[in-house]
N, C-alpha and C. Protein backbone atom coordinates (compact mmCIF):
# COMPACT_ATOMS: atom_id res chain seq x y z
N UNK A 1 106.84 81.60 86.55
CA UNK A 1 107.69 81.11 87.63
C UNK A 1 106.83 80.96 88.89
N UNK A 2 106.93 79.83 89.55
CA UNK A 2 106.18 79.59 90.78
C UNK A 2 106.75 80.39 91.93
N UNK A 3 105.86 80.88 92.79
CA UNK A 3 106.28 81.58 94.00
C UNK A 3 106.17 80.60 95.16
N UNK A 4 107.27 80.46 95.88
CA UNK A 4 107.32 79.59 97.05
C UNK A 4 107.32 80.47 98.30
N UNK A 5 106.33 80.25 99.17
CA UNK A 5 106.23 81.01 100.41
C UNK A 5 106.81 80.19 101.55
N UNK A 6 107.84 80.72 102.18
CA UNK A 6 108.45 80.09 103.36
C UNK A 6 108.54 81.15 104.45
N UNK A 7 108.63 80.71 105.70
CA UNK A 7 108.78 81.65 106.81
C UNK A 7 110.11 81.40 107.50
N UNK A 8 110.65 82.46 108.09
CA UNK A 8 111.92 82.34 108.80
C UNK A 8 111.79 83.07 110.13
N UNK A 9 112.62 82.65 111.09
CA UNK A 9 112.57 83.24 112.42
C UNK A 9 113.96 83.55 112.93
N UNK A 10 114.09 84.74 113.50
CA UNK A 10 115.31 85.11 114.22
C UNK A 10 114.98 84.98 115.70
N UNK A 11 115.40 83.87 116.30
CA UNK A 11 115.28 83.73 117.74
C UNK A 11 116.34 84.65 118.35
N UNK A 12 115.94 85.50 119.28
CA UNK A 12 116.85 86.46 119.90
C UNK A 12 116.89 86.17 121.40
N UNK A 13 118.10 85.91 121.91
CA UNK A 13 118.23 85.57 123.33
C UNK A 13 118.37 86.84 124.19
N UNK A 14 118.49 86.64 125.48
CA UNK A 14 118.58 87.76 126.43
C UNK A 14 119.81 88.63 126.20
N UNK A 15 120.85 88.07 125.56
CA UNK A 15 122.06 88.83 125.25
C UNK A 15 121.99 89.49 123.87
N UNK A 16 120.81 89.48 123.26
CA UNK A 16 120.56 90.08 121.94
C UNK A 16 121.32 89.38 120.81
N UNK A 17 121.58 88.09 121.00
CA UNK A 17 122.20 87.29 119.95
C UNK A 17 121.11 86.58 119.16
N UNK A 18 121.39 86.29 117.89
CA UNK A 18 120.45 85.66 116.98
C UNK A 18 120.90 84.22 116.72
N UNK A 19 119.95 83.30 116.69
CA UNK A 19 120.26 81.90 116.40
C UNK A 19 120.26 81.67 114.89
N UNK A 20 121.35 81.09 114.39
CA UNK A 20 121.40 80.66 113.00
C UNK A 20 121.68 79.17 112.96
N UNK A 21 121.27 78.54 111.87
CA UNK A 21 121.38 77.09 111.74
C UNK A 21 122.09 76.75 110.44
N UNK A 22 122.95 75.74 110.49
CA UNK A 22 123.72 75.34 109.30
C UNK A 22 122.97 74.25 108.55
N UNK A 23 122.77 74.50 107.25
CA UNK A 23 122.04 73.53 106.41
C UNK A 23 122.85 72.23 106.29
N UNK A 24 122.16 71.09 106.40
CA UNK A 24 122.85 69.80 106.39
C UNK A 24 123.28 69.36 105.00
N UNK A 25 124.24 68.43 104.98
CA UNK A 25 124.66 67.81 103.72
C UNK A 25 123.47 67.11 103.09
N UNK A 26 123.43 67.09 101.77
CA UNK A 26 122.35 66.42 101.07
C UNK A 26 121.19 67.34 100.72
N UNK A 27 121.15 68.52 101.31
CA UNK A 27 120.11 69.51 100.98
C UNK A 27 120.74 70.57 100.08
N UNK A 28 119.89 71.27 99.31
CA UNK A 28 120.43 72.36 98.51
C UNK A 28 121.02 73.40 99.44
N UNK A 29 122.04 74.06 98.99
CA UNK A 29 122.75 75.10 99.76
C UNK A 29 123.35 74.55 101.06
N UNK A 30 123.75 73.28 101.03
CA UNK A 30 124.34 72.62 102.21
C UNK A 30 125.53 73.40 102.72
N UNK A 31 125.64 73.47 104.04
CA UNK A 31 126.77 74.14 104.69
C UNK A 31 126.55 75.62 104.95
N UNK A 32 125.56 76.21 104.28
CA UNK A 32 125.29 77.63 104.50
C UNK A 32 124.48 77.81 105.79
N UNK A 33 124.56 79.00 106.35
CA UNK A 33 123.86 79.33 107.61
C UNK A 33 122.58 80.06 107.27
N UNK A 34 121.49 79.71 107.97
CA UNK A 34 120.20 80.29 107.67
C UNK A 34 119.43 80.58 108.95
N UNK A 35 118.34 81.31 108.80
CA UNK A 35 117.41 81.51 109.90
C UNK A 35 116.45 80.32 109.87
N UNK A 36 116.18 79.70 111.01
CA UNK A 36 115.28 78.54 111.03
C UNK A 36 113.90 78.90 110.47
N UNK A 37 113.23 77.91 109.94
CA UNK A 37 111.89 78.10 109.38
C UNK A 37 111.64 77.09 108.29
N UNK A 38 110.65 77.37 107.45
CA UNK A 38 110.37 76.43 106.37
C UNK A 38 109.10 76.76 105.62
N UNK A 39 108.69 75.81 104.80
CA UNK A 39 107.54 75.97 103.91
C UNK A 39 106.22 75.90 104.68
N UNK A 40 105.26 76.63 104.16
CA UNK A 40 103.90 76.55 104.69
C UNK A 40 103.22 75.31 104.12
N UNK A 41 102.44 74.65 104.93
CA UNK A 41 101.61 73.55 104.46
C UNK A 41 100.27 74.12 104.02
N UNK A 42 99.50 73.35 103.25
CA UNK A 42 98.21 73.81 102.73
C UNK A 42 97.31 74.30 103.87
N UNK A 43 96.78 75.51 103.71
CA UNK A 43 95.85 76.06 104.68
C UNK A 43 96.49 76.60 105.95
N UNK A 44 97.81 76.63 106.00
CA UNK A 44 98.52 77.05 107.21
C UNK A 44 98.88 78.53 107.14
N UNK A 45 98.73 79.24 108.24
CA UNK A 45 99.15 80.64 108.29
C UNK A 45 100.67 80.68 108.46
N UNK A 46 101.31 81.81 108.12
CA UNK A 46 102.75 81.91 108.32
C UNK A 46 103.15 81.68 109.78
N UNK A 47 102.37 82.21 110.71
CA UNK A 47 102.70 82.05 112.13
C UNK A 47 102.57 80.59 112.57
N UNK A 48 101.51 79.93 112.13
CA UNK A 48 101.33 78.51 112.48
C UNK A 48 102.46 77.67 111.89
N UNK A 49 102.86 77.98 110.66
CA UNK A 49 103.96 77.25 110.03
C UNK A 49 105.25 77.46 110.81
N UNK A 50 105.49 78.67 111.25
CA UNK A 50 106.72 78.96 111.99
C UNK A 50 106.74 78.25 113.34
N UNK A 51 105.62 78.24 114.02
CA UNK A 51 105.53 77.52 115.30
C UNK A 51 105.81 76.04 115.08
N UNK A 52 105.23 75.46 114.03
CA UNK A 52 105.47 74.05 113.71
C UNK A 52 106.92 73.80 113.34
N UNK A 53 107.48 74.65 112.50
CA UNK A 53 108.87 74.47 112.05
C UNK A 53 109.86 74.60 113.21
N UNK A 54 109.63 75.54 114.12
CA UNK A 54 110.54 75.69 115.26
C UNK A 54 110.53 74.44 116.14
N UNK A 55 109.36 73.83 116.28
CA UNK A 55 109.26 72.59 117.05
C UNK A 55 109.99 71.46 116.32
N UNK A 56 109.75 71.33 115.01
CA UNK A 56 110.36 70.25 114.23
C UNK A 56 111.88 70.40 114.11
N UNK A 57 112.34 71.62 113.84
CA UNK A 57 113.77 71.85 113.57
C UNK A 57 114.61 72.02 114.82
N UNK A 58 114.02 72.65 115.86
CA UNK A 58 114.81 73.03 117.03
C UNK A 58 114.32 72.43 118.34
N UNK A 59 113.11 71.88 118.34
CA UNK A 59 112.54 71.33 119.57
C UNK A 59 112.12 72.39 120.56
N UNK A 60 111.78 73.60 120.08
CA UNK A 60 111.31 74.66 120.96
C UNK A 60 109.86 74.99 120.62
N UNK A 61 109.13 75.49 121.60
CA UNK A 61 107.75 75.89 121.35
C UNK A 61 107.56 77.36 121.68
N UNK A 62 106.68 77.99 120.92
CA UNK A 62 106.35 79.40 121.14
C UNK A 62 104.90 79.61 120.74
N UNK A 63 104.43 80.84 120.87
CA UNK A 63 103.05 81.18 120.55
C UNK A 63 103.03 82.31 119.52
N UNK A 64 101.91 82.44 118.85
CA UNK A 64 101.75 83.50 117.84
C UNK A 64 102.05 84.87 118.43
N UNK A 65 101.60 85.13 119.65
CA UNK A 65 101.81 86.44 120.28
C UNK A 65 103.28 86.76 120.48
N UNK A 66 104.15 85.75 120.43
CA UNK A 66 105.59 85.96 120.63
C UNK A 66 106.33 86.18 119.32
N UNK A 67 105.63 86.15 118.19
CA UNK A 67 106.24 86.32 116.87
C UNK A 67 105.93 87.72 116.34
N UNK A 68 106.97 88.47 116.02
CA UNK A 68 106.80 89.82 115.49
C UNK A 68 107.42 89.90 114.10
N UNK A 69 106.63 90.22 113.06
CA UNK A 69 107.21 90.35 111.72
C UNK A 69 108.15 91.55 111.66
N UNK A 70 109.30 91.34 111.02
CA UNK A 70 110.32 92.39 110.98
C UNK A 70 110.63 92.83 109.55
N UNK A 71 110.72 91.86 108.65
CA UNK A 71 111.13 92.16 107.28
C UNK A 71 110.72 90.99 106.40
N UNK A 72 111.08 91.04 105.13
CA UNK A 72 110.87 89.89 104.26
C UNK A 72 111.91 89.91 103.16
N UNK A 73 112.12 88.75 102.59
CA UNK A 73 113.03 88.62 101.45
C UNK A 73 112.23 88.18 100.23
N UNK A 74 112.64 88.66 99.08
CA UNK A 74 112.05 88.27 97.80
C UNK A 74 113.23 87.99 96.88
N UNK A 75 113.39 86.71 96.50
CA UNK A 75 114.58 86.32 95.74
C UNK A 75 114.23 85.29 94.67
N UNK A 76 114.75 85.52 93.47
CA UNK A 76 114.54 84.57 92.37
C UNK A 76 115.68 83.57 92.33
N UNK A 77 115.32 82.29 92.49
CA UNK A 77 116.25 81.20 92.25
C UNK A 77 116.00 80.70 90.84
N UNK A 78 116.74 79.70 90.40
CA UNK A 78 116.63 79.25 89.02
C UNK A 78 115.24 78.75 88.66
N UNK A 79 114.61 77.97 89.54
CA UNK A 79 113.34 77.33 89.20
C UNK A 79 112.13 77.87 89.94
N UNK A 80 112.30 78.84 90.82
CA UNK A 80 111.18 79.39 91.58
C UNK A 80 111.56 80.74 92.15
N UNK A 81 110.55 81.47 92.61
CA UNK A 81 110.79 82.74 93.29
C UNK A 81 110.40 82.55 94.75
N UNK A 82 111.30 82.90 95.65
CA UNK A 82 111.09 82.72 97.08
C UNK A 82 110.61 84.02 97.72
N UNK A 83 109.52 83.92 98.47
CA UNK A 83 109.03 85.02 99.27
C UNK A 83 109.09 84.55 100.71
N UNK A 84 109.86 85.28 101.55
CA UNK A 84 110.13 84.79 102.91
C UNK A 84 109.98 85.91 103.94
N UNK A 85 108.85 85.94 104.67
CA UNK A 85 108.76 86.87 105.80
C UNK A 85 109.68 86.41 106.93
N UNK A 86 110.29 87.38 107.60
CA UNK A 86 111.15 87.11 108.75
C UNK A 86 110.47 87.64 110.01
N UNK A 87 110.35 86.77 110.99
CA UNK A 87 109.78 87.11 112.29
C UNK A 87 110.90 87.10 113.33
N UNK A 88 110.74 87.91 114.37
CA UNK A 88 111.63 87.87 115.52
C UNK A 88 110.85 87.24 116.66
N UNK A 89 111.51 86.37 117.40
CA UNK A 89 110.91 85.72 118.56
C UNK A 89 111.88 85.83 119.72
N UNK A 90 111.42 86.43 120.82
CA UNK A 90 112.27 86.60 122.00
C UNK A 90 111.84 85.71 123.16
N UNK A 91 110.72 85.00 122.97
CA UNK A 91 110.20 84.17 124.06
C UNK A 91 109.78 82.81 123.51
N UNK A 92 110.38 81.76 124.05
CA UNK A 92 110.07 80.38 123.66
C UNK A 92 110.37 79.47 124.83
N UNK A 93 109.89 78.23 124.72
CA UNK A 93 110.20 77.22 125.74
C UNK A 93 111.07 76.14 125.13
N UNK A 94 112.04 75.70 125.92
CA UNK A 94 112.96 74.66 125.47
C UNK A 94 114.30 75.25 125.08
N UNK A 95 115.27 74.37 124.93
CA UNK A 95 116.60 74.76 124.50
C UNK A 95 116.78 74.32 123.05
N UNK A 96 117.08 75.26 122.15
CA UNK A 96 117.22 74.88 120.74
C UNK A 96 118.26 73.77 120.53
N UNK A 97 117.87 72.76 119.79
CA UNK A 97 118.73 71.62 119.44
C UNK A 97 118.73 71.48 117.92
N UNK A 98 119.85 71.10 117.31
CA UNK A 98 119.91 70.95 115.85
C UNK A 98 119.29 69.63 115.38
N UNK A 99 117.96 69.55 115.37
CA UNK A 99 117.27 68.32 114.97
C UNK A 99 117.38 68.05 113.47
N UNK A 100 117.42 69.11 112.66
CA UNK A 100 117.47 68.94 111.20
C UNK A 100 118.66 69.68 110.58
N UNK A 101 119.49 70.27 111.40
CA UNK A 101 120.64 71.03 110.91
C UNK A 101 121.94 70.40 111.40
N UNK A 102 123.04 70.76 110.76
CA UNK A 102 124.35 70.28 111.16
C UNK A 102 124.79 70.91 112.48
N UNK A 103 124.49 72.21 112.63
CA UNK A 103 124.93 72.94 113.83
C UNK A 103 124.06 74.17 114.03
N UNK A 104 124.09 74.69 115.25
CA UNK A 104 123.43 75.95 115.59
C UNK A 104 124.47 76.88 116.20
N UNK A 105 124.29 78.20 116.02
CA UNK A 105 125.18 79.19 116.62
C UNK A 105 124.37 80.40 117.05
N UNK A 106 124.73 80.94 118.20
CA UNK A 106 124.19 82.23 118.65
C UNK A 106 125.20 83.30 118.24
N UNK A 107 124.73 84.29 117.47
CA UNK A 107 125.61 85.27 116.85
C UNK A 107 125.05 86.68 117.04
N UNK A 108 125.91 87.64 117.32
CA UNK A 108 125.49 89.04 117.35
C UNK A 108 125.06 89.46 115.94
N UNK A 109 124.06 90.30 115.86
CA UNK A 109 123.53 90.70 114.55
C UNK A 109 124.61 91.25 113.64
N UNK A 110 125.52 92.07 114.20
CA UNK A 110 126.57 92.68 113.39
C UNK A 110 127.56 91.63 112.85
N UNK A 111 127.61 90.44 113.46
CA UNK A 111 128.53 89.39 113.01
C UNK A 111 127.87 88.42 112.04
N UNK A 112 126.58 88.58 111.76
CA UNK A 112 125.89 87.64 110.86
C UNK A 112 126.53 87.61 109.47
N UNK A 113 127.07 88.73 109.04
CA UNK A 113 127.69 88.77 107.70
C UNK A 113 128.96 87.92 107.62
N UNK A 114 129.48 87.49 108.75
CA UNK A 114 130.67 86.62 108.77
C UNK A 114 130.34 85.17 108.42
N UNK A 115 129.06 84.85 108.33
CA UNK A 115 128.62 83.47 108.06
C UNK A 115 127.99 83.41 106.67
N UNK A 116 128.48 82.51 105.81
CA UNK A 116 127.88 82.41 104.47
C UNK A 116 126.42 81.94 104.56
N UNK A 117 125.55 82.69 103.89
CA UNK A 117 124.11 82.43 103.95
C UNK A 117 123.54 82.26 102.55
N UNK A 118 122.37 81.60 102.44
CA UNK A 118 121.69 81.55 101.14
C UNK A 118 121.36 82.97 100.68
N UNK A 119 121.29 83.19 99.39
CA UNK A 119 121.05 84.54 98.87
C UNK A 119 119.78 85.19 99.43
N UNK A 120 118.75 84.41 99.70
CA UNK A 120 117.50 84.99 100.22
C UNK A 120 117.64 85.46 101.66
N UNK A 121 118.52 84.85 102.44
CA UNK A 121 118.69 85.23 103.84
C UNK A 121 119.54 86.49 104.00
N UNK A 122 120.50 86.69 103.11
CA UNK A 122 121.46 87.79 103.25
C UNK A 122 120.82 89.17 103.44
N UNK A 123 119.78 89.54 102.66
CA UNK A 123 119.22 90.89 102.83
C UNK A 123 118.51 91.08 104.19
N UNK A 124 118.18 90.01 104.86
CA UNK A 124 117.49 90.11 106.15
C UNK A 124 118.43 90.56 107.28
N UNK A 125 119.71 90.40 107.06
CA UNK A 125 120.70 90.76 108.09
C UNK A 125 120.62 92.25 108.42
N UNK A 126 120.45 93.09 107.42
CA UNK A 126 120.40 94.55 107.66
C UNK A 126 119.24 94.91 108.58
N UNK A 127 118.09 94.30 108.39
CA UNK A 127 116.94 94.58 109.25
C UNK A 127 117.22 94.18 110.69
N UNK A 128 117.90 93.06 110.88
CA UNK A 128 118.23 92.62 112.24
C UNK A 128 119.28 93.53 112.88
N UNK A 129 120.23 93.99 112.09
CA UNK A 129 121.24 94.93 112.63
C UNK A 129 120.56 96.23 113.07
N UNK A 130 119.60 96.71 112.30
CA UNK A 130 118.87 97.92 112.67
C UNK A 130 118.05 97.70 113.95
N UNK A 131 117.45 96.55 114.07
CA UNK A 131 116.60 96.23 115.22
C UNK A 131 117.38 96.01 116.50
N UNK A 132 118.51 95.30 116.38
CA UNK A 132 119.26 94.91 117.55
C UNK A 132 120.48 95.80 117.76
């Protein structure tokens, strides 16, 4: 089984809310809420991939020094195994916009379980609740 490495980010605002994004129609797991992020490109570090993905998906920019690893998910899907480190970012420039998602929401960590998420994202909620 192939291992797919993707990175995810919990943007945390001044009110300690976490940004989640709704997957668009036409993509697998459409309609579910996820932490922004994506696949690494060849030769790319997880931090560089996350900085690129945040710009592409949300139109925000940040730096490696602003990314703190918090947890990771390891989940087997039907055709691949997903390994996903989760970073927290509290400092970025720009206002997040849903460039590749249906919608964005700022949510308290304890309320994240109220939003249906992909199976790989669900275990990350506990780490965010502990942190925030």
